[in-house]
Amino acid sequence: MATTIQISEKLLSELKSKKMYEKESYEEVIWDLIEDTEELSEETKEEIKLAEKEFKEGKIYTHEQVKKELGL
């Protein structure tokens, strides 16, 4: 089901600027904006905490180390 809404030229311009590619629909743009404002899942929050802990402990790899490991 499609619904037509009226928006200002300013909002239209803003939505156009948010498109990642030319043929992206405004519905996709709006869904992306909504997703960006949603709360992170508990699993994601835990993964972020673990990553921060590993970073503080120095458990990191440089770009050069990763390239060497991958043979690049």
PDB file of N, CA and C in Angstrom:
ATOM      1  N   MET A   1       0.841  -1.175   0.000  1.00  0.00           N
ATOM      2  CA  MET A   1       0.000   0.000   0.000  1.00  0.00           C
ATOM      3  C   MET A   1       0.887   1.240   0.000  1.00  0.00           C
ATOM      4  N   ALA A   2       0.619   2.140  -0.866  1.00  0.00           N
ATOM      5  CA  ALA A   2       1.394   3.378  -0.957  1.00  0.00           C
ATOM      6  C   ALA A   2       0.562   4.545  -0.440  1.00  0.00           C
ATOM      7  N   THR A   3       1.228   5.454   0.214  1.00  0.00           N
ATOM      8  CA  THR A   3       0.586   6.662   0.727  1.00  0.00           C
ATOM      9  C   THR A   3       1.373   7.869   0.251  1.00  0.00           C
ATOM     10  N   THR A   4       0.674   8.889  -0.150  1.00  0.00           N
ATOM     11  CA  THR A   4       1.323  10.127  -0.572  1.00  0.00           C
ATOM     12  C   THR A   4       1.301  11.103   0.591  1.00  0.00           C
ATOM     13  N   ILE A   5       2.433  11.747   0.835  1.00  0.00           N
ATOM     14  CA  ILE A   5       2.503  12.761   1.890  1.00  0.00           C
ATOM     15  C   ILE A   5       3.073  14.043   1.303  1.00  0.00           C
ATOM     16  N   GLN A   6       2.737  15.159   1.927  1.00  0.00           N
ATOM     17  CA  GLN A   6       3.284  16.437   1.499  1.00  0.00           C
ATOM     18  C   GLN A   6       4.455  16.791   2.403  1.00  0.00           C
ATOM     19  N   ILE A   7       5.553  17.193   1.778  1.00  0.00           N
ATOM     20  CA  ILE A   7       6.722  17.622   2.544  1.00  0.00           C
ATOM     21  C   ILE A   7       7.251  18.911   1.932  1.00  0.00           C
ATOM     22  N   SER A   8       8.004  19.646   2.706  1.00  0.00           N
ATOM     23  CA  SER A   8       8.563  20.904   2.223  1.00  0.00           C
ATOM     24  C   SER A   8       9.717  20.644   1.262  1.00  0.00           C
ATOM     25  N   GLU A   9      10.057  21.641   0.492  1.00  0.00           N
ATOM     26  CA  GLU A   9      11.206  21.542  -0.415  1.00  0.00           C
ATOM     27  C   GLU A   9      12.489  21.301   0.377  1.00  0.00           C
ATOM     28  N   LYS A  10      12.567  21.917   1.556  1.00  0.00           N
ATOM     29  CA  LYS A  10      13.750  21.750   2.400  1.00  0.00           C
ATOM     30  C   LYS A  10      13.909  20.290   2.829  1.00  0.00           C
ATOM     31  N   LEU A  11      12.801  19.649   3.256  1.00  0.00           N
ATOM     32  CA  LEU A  11      12.864  18.248   3.666  1.00  0.00           C
ATOM     33  C   LEU A  11      13.178  17.354   2.475  1.00  0.00           C
ATOM     34  N   LEU A  12      12.579  17.631   1.341  1.00  0.00           N
ATOM     35  CA  LEU A  12      12.864  16.863   0.133  1.00  0.00           C
ATOM     36  C   LEU A  12      14.345  16.942  -0.210  1.00  0.00           C
ATOM     37  N   SER A  13      14.894  18.115  -0.123  1.00  0.00           N
ATOM     38  CA  SER A  13      16.318  18.300  -0.391  1.00  0.00           C
ATOM     39  C   SER A  13      17.170  17.489   0.591  1.00  0.00           C
ATOM     40  N   GLU A  14      16.763  17.496   1.853  1.00  0.00           N
ATOM     41  CA  GLU A  14      17.484  16.748   2.886  1.00  0.00           C
ATOM     42  C   GLU A  14      17.416  15.247   2.623  1.00  0.00           C
ATOM     43  N   LEU A  15      16.234  14.751   2.268  1.00  0.00           N
ATOM     44  CA  LEU A  15      16.079  13.328   1.954  1.00  0.00           C
ATOM     45  C   LEU A  15      16.932  12.938   0.740  1.00  0.00           C
ATOM     46  N   LYS A  16      16.954  13.803  -0.268  1.00  0.00           N
ATOM     47  CA  LYS A  16      17.775  13.539  -1.455  1.00  0.00           C
ATOM     48  C   LYS A  16      19.249  13.428  -1.076  1.00  0.00           C
ATOM     49  N   SER A  17      19.686  14.278  -0.153  1.00  0.00           N
ATOM     50  CA  SER A  17      21.097  14.272   0.234  1.00  0.00           C
ATOM     51  C   SER A  17      21.465  13.016   1.038  1.00  0.00           C
ATOM     52  N   LYS A  18      20.468  12.330   1.606  1.00  0.00           N
ATOM     53  CA  LYS A  18      20.713  11.129   2.406  1.00  0.00           C
ATOM     54  C   LYS A  18      20.777   9.862   1.560  1.00  0.00           C
ATOM     55  N   LYS A  19      20.388   9.957   0.291  1.00  0.00           N
ATOM     56  CA  LYS A  19      20.414   8.777  -0.572  1.00  0.00           C
ATOM     57  C   LYS A  19      21.840   8.278  -0.757  1.00  0.00           C
ATOM     58  N   MET A  20      22.004   6.949  -0.640  1.00  0.00           N
ATOM     59  CA  MET A  20      23.328   6.362  -0.831  1.00  0.00           C
ATOM     60  C   MET A  20      23.595   6.082  -2.311  1.00  0.00           C
ATOM     61  N   TYR A  21      22.545   5.938  -3.080  1.00  0.00           N
ATOM     62  CA  TYR A  21      22.674   5.753  -4.520  1.00  0.00           C
ATOM     63  C   TYR A  21      21.451   6.360  -5.204  1.00  0.00           C
ATOM     64  N   GLU A  22      21.594   6.700  -6.453  1.00  0.00           N
ATOM     65  CA  GLU A  22      20.590   7.472  -7.188  1.00  0.00           C
ATOM     66  C   GLU A  22      19.193   6.852  -7.157  1.00  0.00           C
ATOM     67  N   LYS A  23      19.087   5.539  -7.343  1.00  0.00           N
ATOM     68  CA  LYS A  23      17.776   4.896  -7.450  1.00  0.00           C
ATOM     69  C   LYS A  23      17.209   4.445  -6.107  1.00  0.00           C
ATOM     70  N   GLU A  24      17.870   4.802  -5.009  1.00  0.00           N
ATOM     71  CA  GLU A  24      17.356   4.435  -3.689  1.00  0.00           C
ATOM     72  C   GLU A  24      16.023   5.153  -3.464  1.00  0.00           C
ATOM     73  N   SER A  25      15.033   4.420  -2.961  1.00  0.00           N
ATOM     74  CA  SER A  25      13.717   5.026  -2.733  1.00  0.00           C
ATOM     75  C   SER A  25      13.733   5.855  -1.451  1.00  0.00           C
ATOM     76  N   TYR A  26      12.783   6.767  -1.362  1.00  0.00           N
ATOM     77  CA  TYR A  26      12.670   7.569  -0.145  1.00  0.00           C
ATOM     78  C   TYR A  26      12.259   6.687   1.035  1.00  0.00           C
ATOM     79  N   GLU A  27      11.518   5.621   0.767  1.00  0.00           N
ATOM     80  CA  GLU A  27      11.165   4.692   1.845  1.00  0.00           C
ATOM     81  C   GLU A  27      12.438   4.077   2.438  1.00  0.00           C
ATOM     82  N   GLU A  28      13.361   3.661   1.580  1.00  0.00           N
ATOM     83  CA  GLU A  28      14.627   3.098   2.071  1.00  0.00           C
ATOM     84  C   GLU A  28      15.405   4.130   2.888  1.00  0.00           C
ATOM     85  N   VAL A  29      15.419   5.365   2.420  1.00  0.00           N
ATOM     86  CA  VAL A  29      16.118   6.440   3.136  1.00  0.00           C
ATOM     87  C   VAL A  29      15.498   6.624   4.520  1.00  0.00           C
ATOM     88  N   ILE A  30      14.174   6.657   4.586  1.00  0.00           N
ATOM     89  CA  ILE A  30      13.485   6.860   5.857  1.00  0.00           C
ATOM     90  C   ILE A  30      13.735   5.679   6.799  1.00  0.00           C
ATOM     91  N   TRP A  31      13.668   4.442   6.283  1.00  0.00           N
ATOM     92  CA  TRP A  31      13.954   3.277   7.128  1.00  0.00           C
ATOM     93  C   TRP A  31      15.373   3.331   7.683  1.00  0.00           C
ATOM     94  N   ASP A  32      16.338   3.743   6.860  1.00  0.00           N
ATOM     95  CA  ASP A  32      17.728   3.874   7.322  1.00  0.00           C
ATOM     96  C   ASP A  32      17.825   4.896   8.448  1.00  0.00           C
ATOM     97  N   LEU A  33      17.120   6.004   8.314  1.00  0.00           N
ATOM     98  CA  LEU A  33      17.129   7.033   9.359  1.00  0.00           C
ATOM     99  C   LEU A  33      16.499   6.516  10.653  1.00  0.00           C
ATOM    100  N   ILE A  34      15.415   5.768  10.527  1.00  0.00           N
ATOM    101  CA  ILE A  34      14.772   5.192  11.707  1.00  0.00           C
ATOM    102  C   ILE A  34      15.715   4.196  12.383  1.00  0.00           C
ATOM    103  N   GLU A  35      16.338   3.356  11.586  1.00  0.00           N
ATOM    104  CA  GLU A  35      17.268   2.359  12.133  1.00  0.00           C
ATOM    105  C   GLU A  35      18.407   3.027  12.896  1.00  0.00           C
ATOM    106  N   ASP A  36      18.876   4.141  12.388  1.00  0.00           N
ATOM    107  CA  ASP A  36      19.979   4.856  13.035  1.00  0.00           C
ATOM    108  C   ASP A  36      19.613   5.389  14.416  1.00  0.00           C
ATOM    109  N   THR A  37      18.318   5.549  14.687  1.00  0.00           N
ATOM    110  CA  THR A  37      17.904   6.103  15.975  1.00  0.00           C
ATOM    111  C   THR A  37      17.469   5.028  16.969  1.00  0.00           C
ATOM    112  N   GLU A  38      17.428   3.766  16.529  1.00  0.00           N
ATOM    113  CA  GLU A  38      16.978   2.702  17.415  1.00  0.00           C
ATOM    114  C   GLU A  38      18.055   2.328  18.429  1.00  0.00           C
ATOM    115  N   GLU A  39      17.611   1.801  19.527  1.00  0.00           N
ATOM    116  CA  GLU A  39      18.488   1.354  20.613  1.00  0.00           C
ATOM    117  C   GLU A  39      19.319   0.153  20.147  1.00  0.00           C
ATOM    118  N   LEU A  40      20.566   0.107  20.608  1.00  0.00           N
ATOM    119  CA  LEU A  40      21.418  -1.042  20.312  1.00  0.00           C
ATOM    120  C   LEU A  40      20.922  -2.256  21.083  1.00  0.00           C
ATOM    121  N   SER A  41      21.053  -3.435  20.494  1.00  0.00           N
ATOM    122  CA  SER A  41      20.654  -4.652  21.191  1.00  0.00           C
ATOM    123  C   SER A  41      21.623  -4.928  22.334  1.00  0.00           C
ATOM    124  N   GLU A  42      21.189  -5.735  23.286  1.00  0.00           N
ATOM    125  CA  GLU A  42      22.044  -6.099  24.419  1.00  0.00           C
ATOM    126  C   GLU A  42      23.298  -6.828  23.932  1.00  0.00           C
ATOM    127  N   GLU A  43      23.135  -7.667  22.917  1.00  0.00           N
ATOM    128  CA  GLU A  43      24.279  -8.393  22.358  1.00  0.00           C
ATOM    129  C   GLU A  43      25.313  -7.418  21.784  1.00  0.00           C
ATOM    130  N   THR A  44      24.844  -6.419  21.064  1.00  0.00           N
ATOM    131  CA  THR A  44      25.751  -5.429  20.481  1.00  0.00           C
ATOM    132  C   THR A  44      26.450  -4.637  21.580  1.00  0.00           C
ATOM    133  N   LYS A  45      25.711  -4.268  22.626  1.00  0.00           N
ATOM    134  CA  LYS A  45      26.313  -3.534  23.740  1.00  0.00           C
ATOM    135  C   LYS A  45      27.422  -4.349  24.399  1.00  0.00           C
ATOM    136  N   GLU A  46      27.190  -5.661  24.576  1.00  0.00           N
ATOM    137  CA  GLU A  46      28.205  -6.532  25.174  1.00  0.00           C
ATOM    138  C   GLU A  46      29.429  -6.651  24.276  1.00  0.00           C
ATOM    139  N   GLU A  47      29.216  -6.753  22.965  1.00  0.00           N
ATOM    140  CA  GLU A  47      30.335  -6.838  22.024  1.00  0.00           C
ATOM    141  C   GLU A  47      31.163  -5.555  22.048  1.00  0.00           C
ATOM    142  N   ILE A  48      30.515  -4.417  22.187  1.00  0.00           N
ATOM    143  CA  ILE A  48      31.224  -3.137  22.269  1.00  0.00           C
ATOM    144  C   ILE A  48      32.058  -3.090  23.544  1.00  0.00           C
ATOM    145  N   LYS A  49      31.478  -3.532  24.671  1.00  0.00           N
ATOM    146  CA  LYS A  49      32.225  -3.560  25.931  1.00  0.00           C
ATOM    147  C   LYS A  49      33.454  -4.458  25.826  1.00  0.00           C
ATOM    148  N   LEU A  50      33.293  -5.630  25.207  1.00  0.00           N
ATOM    149  CA  LEU A  50      34.410  -6.556  25.035  1.00  0.00           C
ATOM    150  C   LEU A  50      35.493  -5.936  24.150  1.00  0.00           C
ATOM    151  N   ALA A  51      35.090  -5.293  23.079  1.00  0.00           N
ATOM    152  CA  ALA A  51      36.053  -4.649  22.177  1.00  0.00           C
ATOM    153  C   ALA A  51      36.814  -3.541  22.900  1.00  0.00           C
ATOM    154  N   GLU A  52      36.121  -2.752  23.707  1.00  0.00           N
ATOM    155  CA  GLU A  52      36.781  -1.685  24.471  1.00  0.00           C
ATOM    156  C   GLU A  52      37.789  -2.272  25.455  1.00  0.00           C
ATOM    157  N   LYS A  53      37.409  -3.374  26.111  1.00  0.00           N
ATOM    158  CA  LYS A  53      38.294  -4.039  27.067  1.00  0.00           C
ATOM    159  C   LYS A  53      39.550  -4.558  26.355  1.00  0.00           C
ATOM    160  N   GLU A  54      39.364  -5.222  25.217  1.00  0.00           N
ATOM    161  CA  GLU A  54      40.503  -5.753  24.460  1.00  0.00           C
ATOM    162  C   GLU A  54      41.409  -4.627  23.982  1.00  0.00           C
ATOM    163  N   PHE A  55      40.815  -3.517  23.578  1.00  0.00           N
ATOM    164  CA  PHE A  55      41.609  -2.372  23.138  1.00  0.00           C
ATOM    165  C   PHE A  55      42.468  -1.851  24.283  1.00  0.00           C
ATOM    166  N   LYS A  56      41.859  -1.695  25.452  1.00  0.00           N
ATOM    167  CA  LYS A  56      42.591  -1.199  26.620  1.00  0.00           C
ATOM    168  C   LYS A  56      43.713  -2.149  27.026  1.00  0.00           C
ATOM    169  N   GLU A  57      43.513  -3.447  26.790  1.00  0.00           N
ATOM    170  CA  GLU A  57      44.528  -4.454  27.122  1.00  0.00           C
ATOM    171  C   GLU A  57      45.596  -4.571  26.029  1.00  0.00           C
ATOM    172  N   GLY A  58      45.448  -3.795  24.982  1.00  0.00           N
ATOM    173  CA  GLY A  58      46.429  -3.818  23.904  1.00  0.00           C
ATOM    174  C   GLY A  58      46.268  -4.965  22.932  1.00  0.00           C
ATOM    175  N   LYS A  59      45.132  -5.619  22.971  1.00  0.00           N
ATOM    176  CA  LYS A  59      44.868  -6.740  22.065  1.00  0.00           C
ATOM    177  C   LYS A  59      44.357  -6.194  20.727  1.00  0.00           C
ATOM    178  N   ILE A  60      45.265  -5.548  20.021  1.00  0.00           N
ATOM    179  CA  ILE A  60      44.921  -4.922  18.742  1.00  0.00           C
ATOM    180  C   ILE A  60      45.949  -5.309  17.692  1.00  0.00           C
ATOM    181  N   TYR A  61      45.602  -5.118  16.447  1.00  0.00           N
ATOM    182  CA  TYR A  61      46.498  -5.385  15.330  1.00  0.00           C
ATOM    183  C   TYR A  61      46.605  -4.125  14.483  1.00  0.00           C
ATOM    184  N   THR A  62      47.794  -3.825  14.042  1.00  0.00           N
ATOM    185  CA  THR A  62      47.981  -2.689  13.153  1.00  0.00           C
ATOM    186  C   THR A  62      47.543  -3.081  11.747  1.00  0.00           C
ATOM    187  N   HIS A  63      47.352  -2.087  10.925  1.00  0.00           N
ATOM    188  CA  HIS A  63      46.998  -2.322   9.532  1.00  0.00           C
ATOM    189  C   HIS A  63      48.078  -3.169   8.854  1.00  0.00           C
ATOM    190  N   GLU A  64      49.312  -2.872   9.147  1.00  0.00           N
ATOM    191  CA  GLU A  64      50.428  -3.621   8.550  1.00  0.00           C
ATOM    192  C   GLU A  64      50.423  -5.081   8.999  1.00  0.00           C
ATOM    193  N   GLN A  65      50.112  -5.342  10.271  1.00  0.00           N
ATOM    194  CA  GLN A  65      50.052  -6.718  10.762  1.00  0.00           C
ATOM    195  C   GLN A  65      48.941  -7.507  10.062  1.00  0.00           C
ATOM    196  N   VAL A  66      47.812  -6.878   9.866  1.00  0.00           N
ATOM    197  CA  VAL A  66      46.686  -7.540   9.200  1.00  0.00           C
ATOM    198  C   VAL A  66      47.052  -7.842   7.744  1.00  0.00           C
ATOM    199  N   LYS A  67      47.659  -6.868   7.069  1.00  0.00           N
ATOM    200  CA  LYS A  67      48.069  -7.090   5.686  1.00  0.00           C
ATOM    201  C   LYS A  67      49.059  -8.241   5.578  1.00  0.00           C
ATOM    202  N   LYS A  68      50.023  -8.287   6.497  1.00  0.00           N
ATOM    203  CA  LYS A  68      51.019  -9.363   6.491  1.00  0.00           C
ATOM    204  C   LYS A  68      50.342 -10.711   6.728  1.00  0.00           C
ATOM    205  N   GLU A  69      49.440 -10.768   7.695  1.00  0.00           N
ATOM    206  CA  GLU A  69      48.729 -11.998   8.004  1.00  0.00           C
ATOM    207  C   GLU A  69      47.921 -12.506   6.808  1.00  0.00           C
ATOM    208  N   LEU A  70      47.339 -11.572   6.057  1.00  0.00           N
ATOM    209  CA  LEU A  70      46.531 -11.933   4.887  1.00  0.00           C
ATOM    210  C   LEU A  70      47.349 -12.091   3.612  1.00  0.00           C
ATOM    211  N   GLY A  71      48.659 -11.827   3.714  1.00  0.00           N
ATOM    212  CA  GLY A  71      49.522 -11.963   2.548  1.00  0.00           C
ATOM    213  C   GLY A  71      49.310 -10.887   1.512  1.00  0.00           C
ATOM    214  N   LEU A  72      48.982  -9.700   1.960  1.00  0.00           N
ATOM    215  CA  LEU A  72      48.734  -8.583   1.010  1.00  0.00           C
ATOM    216  C   LEU A  72      49.924  -7.660   0.913  1.00  0.00           C
TER     217      LEU A  72
END
